[in-house]
C-alpha atoms as a PDB file:
ATOM      1  CA  MET A   1     165.034  60.983  91.983  1.00  0.00           C
ATOM      2  CA  PRO A   2     166.325  64.524  91.407  1.00  0.00           C
ATOM      3  CA  ALA A   3     167.399  65.491  87.874  1.00  0.00           C
ATOM      4  CA  ASP A   4     170.395  67.471  89.220  1.00  0.00           C
ATOM      5  CA  PRO A   5     173.432  65.121  89.421  1.00  0.00           C
ATOM      6  CA  LEU A   6     174.933  66.885  92.462  1.00  0.00           C
ATOM      7  CA  LEU A   7     171.623  66.829  94.298  1.00  0.00           C
ATOM      8  CA  GLU A   8     171.261  63.146  93.451  1.00  0.00           C
ATOM      9  CA  LYS A   9     174.742  62.504  94.882  1.00  0.00           C
ATOM     10  CA  LEU A  10     173.845  64.397  98.067  1.00  0.00           C
ATOM     11  CA  VAL A  11     170.646  62.370  98.505  1.00  0.00           C
ATOM     12  CA  ASN A  12     172.603  59.138  98.009  1.00  0.00           C
ATOM     13  CA  LEU A  13     175.204  60.226 100.582  1.00  0.00           C
ATOM     14  CA  LEU A  14     172.454  60.908 103.131  1.00  0.00           C
ATOM     15  CA  LYS A  15     170.474  57.678 102.564  1.00  0.00           C
ATOM     16  CA  PRO A  16     172.570  55.520 104.958  1.00  0.00           C
ATOM     17  CA  TYR A  17     171.532  57.870 107.795  1.00  0.00           C
ATOM     18  CA  GLU A  18     167.866  57.095 107.076  1.00  0.00           C
ATOM     19  CA  PRO A  19     166.581  60.678 107.174  1.00  0.00           C
ATOM     20  CA  GLU A  20     162.854  61.185 107.542  1.00  0.00           C
ATOM     21  CA  ARG A  21     163.009  64.095 105.117  1.00  0.00           C
ATOM     22  CA  ILE A  22     165.492  65.959 102.972  1.00  0.00           C
ATOM     23  CA  ILE A  23     164.227  69.430 102.143  1.00  0.00           C
ATOM     24  CA  LEU A  24     165.734  71.592  99.413  1.00  0.00           C
ATOM     25  CA  PHE A  25     164.944  75.299  99.670  1.00  0.00           C
ATOM     26  CA  GLY A  26     166.190  78.549  98.189  1.00  0.00           C
ATOM     27  CA  SER A  27     166.984  79.429  94.597  1.00  0.00           C
ATOM     28  CA  ARG A  28     167.614  75.853  93.443  1.00  0.00           C
ATOM     29  CA  ALA A  29     164.300  74.677  94.903  1.00  0.00           C
ATOM     30  CA  ARG A  30     162.537  77.481  93.042  1.00  0.00           C
ATOM     31  CA  GLY A  31     164.293  76.523  89.807  1.00  0.00           C
ATOM     32  CA  GLU A  32     166.195  79.821  89.786  1.00  0.00           C
ATOM     33  CA  GLY A  33     169.658  78.490  90.637  1.00  0.00           C
ATOM     34  CA  ASP A  34     172.642  78.948  88.376  1.00  0.00           C
ATOM     35  CA  GLU A  35     176.114  77.388  88.276  1.00  0.00           C
ATOM     36  CA  TYR A  36     177.205  79.531  91.252  1.00  0.00           C
ATOM     37  CA  SER A  37     174.187  78.807  93.465  1.00  0.00           C
ATOM     38  CA  ASP A  38     174.660  76.783  96.609  1.00  0.00           C
ATOM     39  CA  TYR A  39     172.403  73.990  97.844  1.00  0.00           C
ATOM     40  CA  ASP A  40     170.223  74.977 100.794  1.00  0.00           C
ATOM     41  CA  VAL A  41     169.221  71.718 102.475  1.00  0.00           C
ATOM     42  CA  VAL A  42     167.510  70.710 105.713  1.00  0.00           C
ATOM     43  CA  VAL A  43     167.815  67.096 106.858  1.00  0.00           C
ATOM     44  CA  ILE A  44     165.194  65.837 109.323  1.00  0.00           C
ATOM     45  CA  LYS A  45     166.160  62.820 111.427  1.00  0.00           C
ATOM     46  CA  ALA A  46     164.494  61.430 114.541  1.00  0.00           C
ATOM     47  CA  THR A  47     166.867  61.148 117.489  1.00  0.00           C
ATOM     48  CA  ASP A  48     166.850  60.802 121.250  1.00  0.00           C
ATOM     49  CA  GLN A  49     169.762  63.219 121.614  1.00  0.00           C
ATOM     50  CA  PRO A  50     169.015  66.627 123.130  1.00  0.00           C
ATOM     51  CA  PHE A  51     169.080  69.502 120.651  1.00  0.00           C
ATOM     52  CA  LEU A  52     172.232  71.176 122.011  1.00  0.00           C
ATOM     53  CA  GLU A  53     174.189  67.915 121.834  1.00  0.00           C
ATOM     54  CA  ARG A  54     173.341  67.601 118.143  1.00  0.00           C
ATOM     55  CA  LEU A  55     174.906  70.952 117.258  1.00  0.00           C
END
């Protein structure tokens, strides 16, 4: 589990959706984030919906 409490909360919020992957990228993923850094996240989830309908 992530050491960052906000990241841990985000992961827990996403769990009910059963994502295949949750990918953190950017400054926080590199360990360079500070208190003003945002969380850059990609959530991968299998679906039968066409791409444009998911936007």
